[in-house]
N, C-alpha and C. Protein backbone atom coordinates (compact mmCIF):
# COMPACT_ATOMS: atom_id res chain seq x y z
N MET A 1 88.22 77.45 36.17
CA MET A 1 89.23 77.55 37.35
C MET A 1 88.93 76.45 38.40
N THR A 2 90.02 75.99 38.74
CA THR A 2 90.04 74.73 40.17
C THR A 2 90.05 75.70 41.03
N HIS A 3 89.14 75.44 42.04
CA HIS A 3 89.04 75.58 43.19
C HIS A 3 89.80 75.19 44.19
N VAL A 4 90.60 75.40 45.15
CA VAL A 4 91.84 74.62 45.83
C VAL A 4 91.04 75.12 47.12
N PRO A 5 90.99 73.89 47.93
CA PRO A 5 90.54 74.20 49.02
C PRO A 5 91.54 74.63 50.22
N SER A 6 90.89 75.46 50.83
CA SER A 6 91.94 76.21 52.12
C SER A 6 92.15 74.99 53.04
N ALA A 7 93.20 75.49 53.68
CA ALA A 7 93.92 74.42 54.77
C ALA A 7 92.99 74.19 56.09
N ALA A 8 92.83 73.14 56.27
CA ALA A 8 91.71 73.31 57.83
C ALA A 8 92.58 73.97 58.87
N PRO A 9 91.57 74.74 59.61
CA PRO A 9 92.10 75.39 60.79
C PRO A 9 92.83 74.61 61.69
N SER A 10 93.93 75.06 61.88
CA SER A 10 94.80 74.37 63.34
C SER A 10 94.14 74.55 63.96
N LEU A 11 94.10 73.54 65.44
CA LEU A 11 93.63 73.34 66.86
C LEU A 11 94.81 73.76 67.77
N VAL A 12 96.06 74.02 67.12
CA VAL A 12 97.06 74.32 68.06
C VAL A 12 97.36 75.73 68.12
N THR A 13 97.33 76.80 69.04
CA THR A 13 96.88 77.80 69.46
C THR A 13 98.32 78.53 69.34
N PRO A 14 98.69 79.50 68.44
CA PRO A 14 99.98 80.45 68.55
C PRO A 14 100.70 80.62 69.59
N PHE A 15 100.23 80.62 70.67
CA PHE A 15 100.78 80.96 71.96
C PHE A 15 100.28 80.09 73.01
N ALA A 16 101.27 79.17 73.63
CA ALA A 16 100.90 78.34 74.80
C ALA A 16 102.03 78.44 75.65
N PRO A 17 101.08 79.39 76.75
CA PRO A 17 101.98 80.02 77.84
C PRO A 17 102.86 78.83 78.63
N THR A 18 104.01 79.15 79.07
CA THR A 18 104.58 77.87 79.66
C THR A 18 104.26 78.27 81.43
N ILE A 19 105.19 77.60 82.00
CA ILE A 19 105.03 77.41 83.66
C ILE A 19 105.60 79.24 83.93
N VAL A 20 107.09 79.42 82.99
CA VAL A 20 107.69 80.73 83.40
C VAL A 20 106.85 81.77 83.01
N ASP A 21 105.94 81.57 81.66
CA ASP A 21 105.43 82.77 81.41
C ASP A 21 104.15 82.82 82.23
N TRP A 22 103.79 81.85 82.96
CA TRP A 22 102.60 82.10 83.92
C TRP A 22 103.31 82.75 85.13
N ASN A 23 104.32 82.69 85.61
CA ASN A 23 104.78 83.41 86.86
C ASN A 23 105.08 84.45 86.68
N TYR A 24 105.58 84.67 85.51
CA TYR A 24 105.81 86.29 85.02
C TYR A 24 104.39 86.86 84.89
N PHE A 25 103.60 86.34 84.12
CA PHE A 25 102.16 87.28 84.39
C PHE A 25 102.10 87.55 86.15
N ALA A 26 102.36 86.45 86.62
CA ALA A 26 101.53 86.56 88.06
C ALA A 26 102.66 87.46 88.85
N ASN A 27 103.63 87.89 88.47
CA ASN A 27 104.54 88.78 89.07
C ASN A 27 104.50 90.13 88.57
N GLU A 28 104.14 90.09 87.19
CA GLU A 28 103.36 91.39 87.29
C GLU A 28 102.32 91.76 87.68
N TYR A 29 101.59 90.99 87.61
CA TYR A 29 99.88 91.66 88.51
C TYR A 29 100.31 91.81 89.72
N TYR A 30 100.98 90.67 90.84
CA TYR A 30 101.32 91.22 92.04
C TYR A 30 102.19 92.53 92.46
N SER A 31 102.95 92.54 91.52
CA SER A 31 103.97 93.83 91.59
C SER A 31 102.87 95.12 91.40
N GLN A 32 101.48 95.28 90.91
CA GLN A 32 101.18 96.47 91.01
C GLN A 32 99.82 96.67 92.03
N THR A 33 100.04 95.53 93.06
CA THR A 33 99.36 95.65 93.95
C THR A 33 99.96 96.89 94.94
N SER A 34 99.30 97.94 95.71
CA SER A 34 99.26 98.66 96.57
C SER A 34 98.87 99.06 97.53
N TRP A 35 98.98 99.95 98.83
CA TRP A 35 98.67 99.83 99.89
C TRP A 35 97.31 100.03 99.72
N ASP A 36 96.77 101.17 98.72
CA ASP A 36 95.71 100.97 98.50
C ASP A 36 94.49 99.98 98.50
N ASP A 37 94.99 99.34 97.50
CA ASP A 37 94.09 97.79 97.07
C ASP A 37 94.30 96.92 98.50
N ILE A 38 95.24 97.10 99.63
CA ILE A 38 94.98 96.31 100.66
C ILE A 38 93.95 96.96 101.85
N LEU A 39 94.00 98.01 101.55
CA LEU A 39 93.08 99.36 102.69
C LEU A 39 91.43 99.20 102.11
N LEU A 40 91.62 98.93 100.83
CA LEU A 40 89.84 98.70 99.94
C LEU A 40 89.73 97.31 100.51
N ILE A 41 89.99 96.29 100.19
CA ILE A 41 90.16 94.88 100.80
C ILE A 41 89.56 95.13 102.39
N PHE A 42 90.50 95.54 102.93
CA PHE A 42 90.17 95.81 104.30
C PHE A 42 88.67 95.98 104.61
N TRP A 43 88.69 97.27 104.00
CA TRP A 43 87.42 97.87 104.48
C TRP A 43 86.22 97.62 104.37
N TYR A 44 86.43 96.53 102.60
CA TYR A 44 85.14 96.12 102.29
C TYR A 44 84.58 94.63 103.24
N GLN A 45 86.08 93.97 103.86
CA GLN A 45 85.59 93.33 104.20
C GLN A 45 85.23 93.44 106.27
N LEU A 46 85.40 94.81 106.44
CA LEU A 46 85.24 95.33 107.76
C LEU A 46 83.28 95.64 107.49
N VAL A 47 82.70 96.23 106.43
CA VAL A 47 81.40 96.57 106.32
C VAL A 47 81.19 95.32 106.10
N VAL A 48 81.31 94.33 105.58
CA VAL A 48 80.60 92.80 105.52
C VAL A 48 80.35 92.12 107.07
N GLY A 49 81.30 92.12 107.18
CA GLY A 49 81.60 91.55 108.80
C GLY A 49 80.83 92.54 109.89
N GLY A 50 81.09 93.58 109.69
CA GLY A 50 79.85 94.59 110.42
C GLY A 50 78.49 94.34 110.36
N ALA A 51 77.94 94.29 109.25
CA ALA A 51 76.88 93.95 108.75
C ALA A 51 76.54 92.69 108.74
N LEU A 52 76.81 91.40 109.02
CA LEU A 52 76.14 90.50 109.43
C LEU A 52 76.17 90.25 111.00
N TRP A 53 77.34 91.03 111.62
CA TRP A 53 77.60 90.69 113.25
C TRP A 53 75.97 91.83 113.70
N ALA A 54 75.73 92.71 112.87
CA ALA A 54 74.65 93.72 113.19
C ALA A 54 73.17 92.73 113.00
N LEU A 55 73.35 91.78 112.22
CA LEU A 55 72.14 90.81 111.59
C LEU A 55 72.05 89.73 112.83
N PHE A 56 73.18 89.74 113.34
CA PHE A 56 73.36 88.36 114.16
C PHE A 56 72.47 88.95 115.73
N GLU A 57 73.30 90.21 116.02
CA GLU A 57 72.66 90.79 117.17
C GLU A 57 71.29 91.32 117.14
N GLY A 58 70.83 91.48 115.93
CA GLY A 58 69.07 91.97 115.87
C GLY A 58 68.52 90.78 116.00
N SER A 59 68.95 89.36 115.35
CA SER A 59 68.29 87.91 115.48
C SER A 59 68.28 87.19 116.60
N ARG A 60 69.13 87.44 117.41
CA ARG A 60 69.38 86.39 118.16
C ARG A 60 68.39 86.09 119.39
N SER A 61 67.83 87.25 119.44
CA SER A 61 66.93 87.51 120.73
C SER A 61 65.53 87.51 120.02
N LYS A 62 65.64 87.65 118.91
CA LYS A 62 64.28 87.82 117.74
C LYS A 62 63.84 86.39 117.67
N TYR A 63 64.48 85.09 117.23
CA TYR A 63 64.66 84.38 116.87
C TYR A 63 65.12 83.06 117.45
N PRO A 64 64.81 82.61 119.00
CA PRO A 64 65.58 81.84 119.43
C PRO A 64 65.52 80.28 119.03
N GLN A 65 64.45 80.25 118.44
CA GLN A 65 64.61 78.44 117.85
C GLN A 65 65.57 78.38 116.44
N VAL A 66 66.20 79.72 116.15
CA VAL A 66 67.29 79.43 115.30
C VAL A 66 68.60 79.40 116.24
N TYR A 67 68.91 80.14 116.87
CA TYR A 67 69.95 80.41 117.26
C TYR A 67 70.42 79.91 118.97
N SER A 68 69.08 79.15 119.64
CA SER A 68 69.52 78.70 120.68
C SER A 68 68.02 77.65 120.85
N PRO A 69 67.93 76.82 120.14
CA PRO A 69 67.01 75.65 120.01
C PRO A 69 67.48 74.77 121.16
N ARG A 70 68.45 74.48 121.70
CA ARG A 70 68.26 73.97 122.86
C ARG A 70 67.49 74.48 124.15
N ARG A 71 67.36 75.48 124.04
CA ARG A 71 66.57 75.93 125.11
C ARG A 71 65.52 75.11 125.50
N ARG A 72 64.47 75.07 124.25
CA ARG A 72 63.36 74.38 123.75
C ARG A 72 63.35 73.08 124.17
N TRP A 73 64.45 72.13 123.61
CA TRP A 73 64.13 70.86 123.32
C TRP A 73 64.93 70.45 124.42
N LEU A 74 66.38 70.87 125.14
CA LEU A 74 67.17 70.79 126.05
C LEU A 74 67.43 71.58 126.93
N PRO A 75 66.23 72.08 127.97
CA PRO A 75 66.40 72.94 128.84
C PRO A 75 67.27 72.63 129.93
N ALA A 76 67.39 71.22 130.46
CA ALA A 76 68.68 71.17 131.55
C ALA A 76 70.16 71.22 131.05
N GLN A 77 70.08 71.47 129.71
CA GLN A 77 71.54 71.20 129.54
C GLN A 77 72.33 72.85 128.53
N VAL A 78 71.08 73.74 129.01
CA VAL A 78 71.83 75.00 128.55
C VAL A 78 71.95 75.89 129.72
N PRO A 79 73.23 76.66 129.41
CA PRO A 79 73.55 77.80 130.57
C PRO A 79 72.41 78.60 130.87
N ALA A 80 72.75 79.86 131.48
CA ALA A 80 71.73 80.87 132.11
C ALA A 80 71.40 81.59 131.09
N GLU A 81 70.33 82.47 130.98
CA GLU A 81 70.12 83.39 129.73
C GLU A 81 71.13 84.48 129.73
N ARG A 82 71.87 84.63 128.67
CA ARG A 82 72.95 85.94 128.42
C ARG A 82 72.01 87.17 128.01
N PRO A 83 72.92 88.35 128.58
CA PRO A 83 72.17 89.89 128.23
C PRO A 83 72.02 89.81 126.88
N LYS A 84 70.76 90.81 126.62
CA LYS A 84 70.06 91.01 125.41
C LYS A 84 70.75 91.96 124.83
N ALA A 85 71.62 92.75 125.82
CA ALA A 85 72.34 93.63 125.24
C ALA A 85 73.42 93.64 123.84
N PRO A 86 73.58 94.17 122.92
CA PRO A 86 74.77 94.01 121.82
C PRO A 86 75.99 93.94 122.37
N PHE A 87 76.27 92.45 122.56
CA PHE A 87 77.98 92.04 122.84
C PHE A 87 78.07 91.73 124.64
N GLY A 88 76.81 91.92 124.96
CA GLY A 88 76.41 91.51 126.37
C GLY A 88 76.94 89.69 126.93
N TRP A 89 77.02 89.26 125.51
CA TRP A 89 77.04 87.59 125.40
C TRP A 89 78.56 87.27 125.33
N ILE A 90 79.31 88.18 125.28
CA ILE A 90 80.52 87.69 124.89
C ILE A 90 81.59 87.21 126.16
N PRO A 91 81.13 88.40 127.39
CA PRO A 91 81.69 87.87 128.49
C PRO A 91 81.65 86.36 129.49
N PRO A 92 80.28 86.36 129.49
CA PRO A 92 79.69 85.32 130.03
C PRO A 92 80.21 83.77 129.29
N VAL A 93 79.97 84.10 127.61
CA VAL A 93 80.71 82.93 127.16
C VAL A 93 82.12 82.64 127.22
N ALA A 94 82.70 83.83 127.37
CA ALA A 94 84.27 83.74 127.39
C ALA A 94 84.78 82.96 128.83
N LEU A 95 83.82 83.15 129.71
CA LEU A 95 84.15 82.67 130.86
C LEU A 95 83.84 81.15 131.46
N VAL A 96 83.25 80.56 130.73
CA VAL A 96 82.36 79.03 130.46
C VAL A 96 83.80 78.50 130.28
N GLY A 97 84.26 77.41 131.00
CA GLY A 97 85.33 76.11 130.84
C GLY A 97 84.84 75.20 130.19
N GLU A 98 86.04 74.40 129.42
CA GLU A 98 85.71 73.30 129.07
C GLU A 98 84.61 72.29 129.03
N GLU A 99 85.12 71.82 130.32
CA GLU A 99 84.19 70.82 130.98
C GLU A 99 82.31 70.98 131.28
N GLU A 100 82.23 72.73 131.31
CA GLU A 100 80.94 73.32 131.33
C GLU A 100 80.51 73.07 129.78
N THR A 101 81.02 73.61 128.91
CA THR A 101 80.82 73.69 127.65
C THR A 101 80.89 72.08 127.24
N LEU A 102 81.38 71.23 127.35
CA LEU A 102 81.20 69.80 126.83
C LEU A 102 79.87 69.32 127.50
N GLU A 103 79.48 69.45 128.46
CA GLU A 103 78.27 69.05 129.31
C GLU A 103 76.99 70.20 128.87
N ARG A 104 77.23 71.21 128.56
CA ARG A 104 76.04 71.18 128.12
C ARG A 104 75.64 71.73 126.69
N CYS A 105 76.84 71.59 125.57
CA CYS A 105 76.71 71.66 124.34
C CYS A 105 76.65 70.08 123.48
N GLY A 106 77.72 69.40 124.49
CA GLY A 106 78.05 67.89 123.87
C GLY A 106 79.44 67.85 123.38
N LEU A 107 79.64 66.82 122.62
CA LEU A 107 80.86 66.63 122.38
C LEU A 107 81.18 67.03 120.23
N ASP A 108 80.16 67.48 119.67
CA ASP A 108 80.34 67.57 118.68
C ASP A 108 80.36 69.20 118.87
N ALA A 109 79.62 70.07 119.52
CA ALA A 109 79.98 71.66 119.23
C ALA A 109 81.21 71.96 120.04
N TYR A 110 81.60 70.91 120.95
CA TYR A 110 82.90 71.17 121.70
C TYR A 110 83.80 71.18 121.06
N MET A 111 84.17 69.97 120.48
CA MET A 111 85.24 69.90 119.25
C MET A 111 85.09 70.83 118.10
N LEU A 112 84.16 71.42 118.05
CA LEU A 112 84.10 72.38 116.90
C LEU A 112 84.52 73.80 117.56
N LEU A 113 84.52 73.93 118.44
CA LEU A 113 84.91 74.86 119.58
C LEU A 113 86.22 74.90 119.65
N ARG A 114 86.66 73.74 119.61
CA ARG A 114 88.31 73.49 119.97
C ARG A 114 89.06 73.62 118.58
N PHE A 115 88.55 73.40 117.57
CA PHE A 115 89.18 73.68 116.08
C PHE A 115 89.22 74.88 116.01
N ILE A 116 88.08 75.71 116.12
CA ILE A 116 88.38 77.16 115.63
C ILE A 116 89.36 77.93 116.55
N LYS A 117 89.38 77.45 117.69
CA LYS A 117 90.38 77.71 118.71
C LYS A 117 91.94 77.57 118.24
N LEU A 118 91.94 76.07 117.58
CA LEU A 118 93.29 75.80 117.21
C LEU A 118 93.66 76.54 116.00
N CYS A 119 92.79 76.92 115.10
CA CYS A 119 92.73 77.97 114.07
C CYS A 119 93.37 79.20 114.45
N ALA A 120 92.77 79.67 115.70
CA ALA A 120 93.20 80.91 116.16
C ALA A 120 94.48 80.86 116.40
N ARG A 121 94.96 79.78 117.23
CA ARG A 121 96.23 79.77 118.03
C ARG A 121 97.31 79.72 116.48
N LEU A 122 97.13 78.86 115.72
CA LEU A 122 98.00 78.58 114.43
C LEU A 122 98.02 79.95 113.86
N SER A 123 97.12 80.99 113.78
CA SER A 123 97.36 82.06 113.04
C SER A 123 97.72 82.94 113.56
N LEU A 124 97.56 83.15 114.58
CA LEU A 124 98.62 84.06 115.87
C LEU A 124 99.88 83.67 115.56
N PHE A 125 100.13 82.70 115.73
CA PHE A 125 101.21 82.23 115.62
C PHE A 125 102.32 82.54 114.56
N THR A 126 101.64 82.14 113.67
CA THR A 126 102.16 82.19 112.13
C THR A 126 102.41 84.10 111.95
N SER A 127 101.34 84.85 112.41
CA SER A 127 101.38 86.22 111.98
C SER A 127 102.68 86.39 112.73
N ALA A 128 102.68 86.28 113.84
CA ALA A 128 104.07 87.15 115.22
C ALA A 128 105.54 86.91 113.94
N ALA A 129 105.22 85.42 113.79
CA ALA A 129 106.70 85.01 113.42
C ALA A 129 106.86 85.67 112.20
N GLY A 130 105.88 86.13 111.33
CA GLY A 130 106.26 86.20 110.03
C GLY A 130 106.73 87.89 110.20
N CYS A 131 106.03 88.52 110.66
CA CYS A 131 105.91 89.93 111.55
C CYS A 131 107.30 89.81 111.72
N LEU A 132 107.70 89.30 112.76
CA LEU A 132 109.15 89.71 113.09
C LEU A 132 109.93 89.10 112.39
N LEU A 133 110.03 88.14 111.62
CA LEU A 133 111.25 87.33 111.32
C LEU A 133 111.03 87.51 109.51
N LEU A 134 109.95 87.08 108.66
CA LEU A 134 109.66 87.28 107.48
C LEU A 134 109.74 88.98 106.62
N LEU A 135 109.39 89.90 107.40
CA LEU A 135 109.31 91.26 106.70
C LEU A 135 110.69 92.07 107.08
N PRO A 136 111.36 91.96 107.87
CA PRO A 136 112.91 92.52 107.87
C PRO A 136 113.78 91.91 106.52
N VAL A 137 113.30 90.53 106.71
CA VAL A 137 113.95 89.53 105.46
C VAL A 137 113.60 90.19 103.74
N PHE A 138 112.10 90.43 103.76
CA PHE A 138 111.54 90.60 102.62
C PHE A 138 112.16 92.20 101.98
N GLN A 139 112.21 92.87 103.35
CA GLN A 139 112.40 94.52 103.19
C GLN A 139 113.58 94.72 102.27
N GLY A 140 114.51 93.69 103.05
CA GLY A 140 115.79 93.87 102.37
C GLY A 140 116.49 92.80 101.77
N GLY A 141 115.51 92.32 100.85
CA GLY A 141 115.91 91.68 99.58
C GLY A 141 116.27 92.32 98.72
N GLY A 142 116.59 93.25 98.40
CA GLY A 142 117.34 94.06 97.17
C GLY A 142 116.78 93.82 96.07
N GLY A 143 115.21 93.66 95.78
CA GLY A 143 114.23 93.49 94.55
C GLY A 143 114.11 94.86 94.24
N GLY A 144 113.93 95.73 94.76
CA GLY A 144 113.80 97.23 93.98
C GLY A 144 112.55 97.25 94.24
N LEU A 145 111.52 96.58 94.84
CA LEU A 145 110.04 96.60 94.62
C LEU A 145 109.82 98.13 95.55
N GLU A 146 108.90 98.87 95.87
CA GLU A 146 108.50 99.82 96.53
C GLU A 146 107.00 99.11 97.21
N GLY A 147 106.53 100.56 98.17
CA GLY A 147 105.15 100.08 98.32
C GLY A 147 105.09 98.95 99.43
N PHE A 148 103.99 98.40 98.95
CA PHE A 148 103.22 96.95 99.56
C PHE A 148 104.30 95.90 99.13
N ASN A 149 104.76 96.14 98.11
CA ASN A 149 105.53 94.70 97.40
C ASN A 149 106.68 94.56 97.88
N ARG A 150 107.25 95.84 98.77
CA ARG A 150 108.40 95.79 99.21
C ARG A 150 108.70 94.66 100.43
N LEU A 151 107.41 94.07 101.09
CA LEU A 151 107.40 93.24 102.21
C LEU A 151 106.66 91.62 101.67
N THR A 152 107.01 92.09 100.45
CA THR A 152 106.49 90.41 100.01
C THR A 152 107.89 89.79 99.25
N LEU A 153 107.70 88.44 99.30
CA LEU A 153 108.63 87.29 99.18
C LEU A 153 108.85 87.91 97.19
N ASN A 154 108.42 88.60 96.52
CA ASN A 154 109.07 89.35 95.04
C ASN A 154 110.42 90.03 95.37
N ASN A 155 110.30 90.56 96.96
CA ASN A 155 111.51 91.55 96.77
C ASN A 155 112.84 90.88 96.70
N LEU A 156 112.64 89.20 97.25
CA LEU A 156 114.07 88.85 97.45
C LEU A 156 114.89 88.57 95.96
N ALA A 157 115.70 89.16 95.87
CA ALA A 157 116.47 89.19 94.62
C ALA A 157 117.38 87.83 94.46
N HIS A 158 117.72 87.77 95.72
CA HIS A 158 119.02 86.26 95.82
C HIS A 158 118.28 85.18 96.29
N PRO A 159 118.14 83.96 95.81
CA PRO A 159 118.08 82.71 95.91
C PRO A 159 118.23 82.19 97.30
N ALA A 160 119.30 82.46 97.65
CA ALA A 160 119.37 82.40 99.15
C ALA A 160 118.61 82.73 100.36
N HIS A 161 118.31 83.75 99.64
CA HIS A 161 117.48 84.77 101.14
C HIS A 161 116.27 83.78 100.96
N MET A 162 115.61 83.18 100.16
CA MET A 162 114.60 82.41 100.64
C MET A 162 114.88 81.30 100.88
N TRP A 163 115.88 81.18 101.79
CA TRP A 163 115.75 79.91 102.75
C TRP A 163 115.09 80.07 104.39
N THR A 164 115.07 81.56 104.33
CA THR A 164 114.01 81.98 105.88
C THR A 164 112.75 81.77 105.80
N SER A 165 112.46 81.97 104.40
CA SER A 165 110.63 81.58 104.24
C SER A 165 110.75 79.62 103.96
N THR A 166 111.58 79.02 103.57
CA THR A 166 111.53 77.57 103.72
C THR A 166 111.51 77.38 104.86
N GLY A 167 112.88 77.92 105.82
CA GLY A 167 112.77 77.15 106.97
C GLY A 167 111.75 77.47 108.43
N LEU A 168 110.90 78.41 107.62
CA LEU A 168 109.80 79.10 108.53
C LEU A 168 108.36 77.81 108.09
N MET A 169 108.45 78.00 106.85
CA MET A 169 107.40 77.05 106.50
C MET A 169 107.64 75.65 107.16
N VAL A 170 108.92 75.04 107.46
CA VAL A 170 108.88 73.92 108.01
C VAL A 170 108.45 74.08 109.51
N VAL A 171 108.72 75.18 110.07
CA VAL A 171 108.69 75.13 111.58
C VAL A 171 107.10 75.44 111.71
N PHE A 172 106.27 76.39 110.92
CA PHE A 172 104.92 76.26 110.61
C PHE A 172 104.28 74.77 110.82
N THR A 173 104.48 74.39 109.82
CA THR A 173 103.93 72.72 109.63
C THR A 173 103.92 71.80 110.88
N LEU A 174 105.23 72.13 111.48
CA LEU A 174 105.60 70.85 112.11
C LEU A 174 104.98 71.71 113.44
N ARG A 175 104.72 73.19 113.59
CA ARG A 175 103.63 73.42 114.86
C ARG A 175 102.53 73.08 114.48
N LEU A 176 101.74 72.99 113.19
CA LEU A 176 100.23 72.47 112.87
C LEU A 176 100.24 71.09 113.11
N TYR A 177 101.40 70.11 112.99
CA TYR A 177 101.21 69.03 113.18
C TYR A 177 101.35 68.38 114.84
N TRP A 178 102.25 69.26 115.65
CA TRP A 178 102.05 69.64 117.14
C TRP A 178 100.74 69.49 117.82
N LEU A 179 99.85 70.45 116.75
CA LEU A 179 98.38 71.15 117.63
C LEU A 179 97.60 69.93 117.23
N LEU A 180 97.66 69.39 115.97
CA LEU A 180 96.38 68.67 115.95
C LEU A 180 96.63 67.22 116.61
N ASP A 181 98.26 67.00 117.02
CA ASP A 181 98.36 65.66 117.83
C ASP A 181 97.56 66.08 119.12
N CYS A 182 97.76 67.04 119.33
CA CYS A 182 97.21 67.56 120.88
C CYS A 182 95.67 67.36 121.09
N GLU A 183 95.27 68.12 119.58
CA GLU A 183 93.97 68.30 119.78
C GLU A 183 93.77 66.68 119.46
N TYR A 184 93.94 65.58 119.07
CA TYR A 184 93.71 63.82 118.76
C TYR A 184 93.77 63.44 120.27
N LYS A 185 94.58 63.71 120.85
CA LYS A 185 94.58 63.15 122.35
C LYS A 185 93.50 63.63 123.47
N ASN A 186 93.01 65.12 122.85
CA ASN A 186 91.97 65.51 123.82
C ASN A 186 90.96 64.86 123.90
N TYR A 187 90.75 64.87 122.03
CA TYR A 187 89.24 64.13 121.89
C TYR A 187 89.11 62.78 122.24
N VAL A 188 90.44 62.13 122.19
CA VAL A 188 90.52 60.69 122.66
C VAL A 188 89.85 60.58 124.20
N LYS A 189 90.46 61.86 125.20
CA LYS A 189 90.02 61.41 126.13
C LYS A 189 88.79 61.55 126.46
N TRP A 190 87.86 62.44 125.78
CA TRP A 190 86.57 63.03 126.20
C TRP A 190 86.02 62.36 125.17
N ARG A 191 86.20 61.47 124.24
CA ARG A 191 85.07 60.48 123.88
C ARG A 191 85.05 59.28 125.01
N ILE A 192 86.30 59.05 125.34
CA ILE A 192 86.12 57.68 126.22
C ILE A 192 85.23 58.25 127.41
N ALA A 193 85.91 59.54 128.19
CA ALA A 193 84.94 59.95 129.09
C ALA A 193 83.47 59.77 128.93
N TYR A 194 83.17 60.31 127.58
CA TYR A 194 81.63 59.97 127.08
C TYR A 194 80.89 59.02 127.01
N LEU A 195 81.55 57.71 126.46
CA LEU A 195 81.65 56.61 126.31
C LEU A 195 80.95 55.66 127.58
N MET A 196 82.37 55.87 128.38
CA MET A 196 81.91 55.65 129.68
C MET A 196 81.03 56.22 130.66
N GLN A 197 80.29 57.51 130.55
CA GLN A 197 79.82 58.17 131.89
C GLN A 197 78.16 58.57 130.42
N GLY A 198 78.58 58.91 129.54
CA GLY A 198 77.16 59.07 128.73
C GLY A 198 76.34 60.68 129.23
N SER A 199 75.24 60.62 129.14
CA SER A 199 74.63 61.79 129.46
C SER A 199 73.27 61.28 129.92
N VAL A 200 72.61 61.91 131.19
CA VAL A 200 71.59 61.57 132.04
C VAL A 200 70.47 61.49 131.17
N ASP A 201 70.20 62.34 130.04
CA ASP A 201 68.92 62.66 129.34
C ASP A 201 69.16 61.64 128.40
N GLN A 202 70.29 60.66 128.14
CA GLN A 202 70.55 60.38 127.03
C GLN A 202 70.55 58.71 127.56
N ALA A 203 70.74 58.38 128.82
CA ALA A 203 70.91 57.00 129.23
C ALA A 203 70.11 55.85 128.83
N ARG A 204 68.55 56.32 128.33
CA ARG A 204 67.64 55.33 128.18
C ARG A 204 67.98 55.07 126.96
N TYR A 205 68.86 55.33 125.92
CA TYR A 205 68.79 54.29 124.97
C TYR A 205 70.00 53.41 124.73
N GLN A 206 69.81 52.59 124.55
CA GLN A 206 70.91 51.50 124.66
C GLN A 206 71.79 51.47 123.56
N ALA A 207 70.87 51.99 122.51
CA ALA A 207 72.03 51.73 121.32
C ALA A 207 73.35 52.88 121.49
N ARG A 208 73.30 53.77 122.27
CA ARG A 208 74.22 54.70 122.50
C ARG A 208 75.45 54.10 123.16
N TYR A 209 75.36 52.90 123.70
CA TYR A 209 76.06 52.25 124.52
C TYR A 209 76.15 50.69 124.08
N THR A 210 76.35 50.70 122.78
CA THR A 210 76.12 48.95 122.23
C THR A 210 77.00 49.39 121.01
N ILE A 211 78.25 48.64 120.69
CA ILE A 211 79.06 48.54 119.91
C ILE A 211 79.42 47.22 119.24
N MET A 212 80.11 46.85 118.32
CA MET A 212 79.76 45.72 117.36
C MET A 212 81.42 45.37 117.59
N LEU A 213 81.91 44.73 117.89
CA LEU A 213 83.39 44.00 117.60
C LEU A 213 83.24 43.06 116.59
N GLU A 214 84.59 43.14 115.85
CA GLU A 214 84.79 42.40 114.62
C GLU A 214 86.21 42.34 114.25
N GLY A 215 86.53 41.05 113.66
CA GLY A 215 88.13 40.90 113.37
C GLY A 215 88.70 40.45 114.64
N LEU A 216 88.27 39.78 115.77
CA LEU A 216 88.77 39.87 117.17
C LEU A 216 90.55 38.49 116.94
N PRO A 217 91.24 38.71 117.47
CA PRO A 217 92.25 37.66 117.51
C PRO A 217 91.45 36.30 118.32
N PRO A 218 92.18 35.15 117.63
CA PRO A 218 91.92 33.99 118.36
C PRO A 218 91.81 34.30 120.36
N SER A 219 92.91 35.05 120.58
CA SER A 219 93.17 35.18 122.12
C SER A 219 92.37 35.77 122.84
N LEU A 220 91.12 36.58 121.94
CA LEU A 220 90.49 37.35 122.75
C LEU A 220 88.85 36.94 122.41
N ARG A 221 88.66 35.85 122.03
CA ARG A 221 87.26 35.26 121.53
C ARG A 221 86.81 34.73 122.39
N THR A 222 87.09 34.78 123.75
CA THR A 222 86.15 34.02 124.79
C THR A 222 85.87 35.28 125.42
N ASN A 223 84.27 35.15 126.09
CA ASN A 223 83.85 36.19 126.97
C ASN A 223 85.05 36.76 127.71
N ALA A 224 85.23 35.90 128.71
CA ALA A 224 86.59 36.32 129.54
C ALA A 224 87.71 37.17 129.34
N ALA A 225 88.27 36.65 128.32
CA ALA A 225 89.44 37.30 127.80
C ALA A 225 88.93 38.89 127.07
N LEU A 226 87.67 38.44 126.16
CA LEU A 226 87.60 39.79 125.95
C LEU A 226 86.93 40.98 126.96
N GLU A 227 86.64 40.41 128.14
CA GLU A 227 85.90 41.10 129.49
C GLU A 227 87.33 41.56 129.87
N ARG A 228 88.19 41.20 130.24
CA ARG A 228 89.36 41.39 130.30
C ARG A 228 89.89 42.37 129.90
N TYR A 229 90.25 42.61 128.46
CA TYR A 229 90.74 43.41 127.55
C TYR A 229 90.12 44.78 127.53
N LEU A 230 88.82 44.59 127.35
CA LEU A 230 88.23 46.15 127.45
C LEU A 230 87.84 46.58 128.68
N GLU A 231 88.23 46.47 130.13
CA GLU A 231 88.28 46.51 131.11
C GLU A 231 89.19 47.64 131.09
N ARG A 232 90.70 46.95 130.49
CA ARG A 232 91.81 47.27 130.77
C ARG A 232 91.63 48.54 129.94
N ILE A 233 91.41 48.78 128.87
CA ILE A 233 90.90 49.87 127.68
C ILE A 233 90.00 50.75 128.56
N PHE A 234 89.04 50.58 128.90
CA PHE A 234 88.20 51.47 129.57
C PHE A 234 88.06 51.89 130.54
């Protein structure tokens, strides 16, 4: 009896999902999302955020070397002592101006706070515009969905209704570009001011005021021409 070897196993899967299949699976998954799922995520995030906040409130006065190390290393550049009561630090911090923040905390910390403020402004704008303009369009989309999914893009039955979402996407993108442009201009202003004035405690470091210029055009390769050019810039 002759043994006939079986065919080699095929590496091709019998089912290779396409983009349409993945879209179908995604729609089926998200169509099952309910308000209970949204509330569950909300309460979970609230509990985790509250626990982290309580940890911060209990540790900020117990471990000052972690939460306020500048009081030890740069005591002349820190603000007054904050109240130790829970949430007592929020009003004094909220009333600190931008120039004082820059002077007390430095340019890096100042720009980080500006970035957080930028994200908050962008989120508030997109949330307000989405609630006022997109939710009514989604709710009347005619897709036949109920519950939470009635307020989502999945409820749009006609492709023409998606132009509202597309238009707002363009508006959101343009506003983001405008906010970034404002932040870059603000950074350039304070960066030049820092290079011109510096810090009293760091004035002894000559390296902080030394720059190297390369690739100068022939018209600026004299001391007098380069000095006039830099004076005009700074």
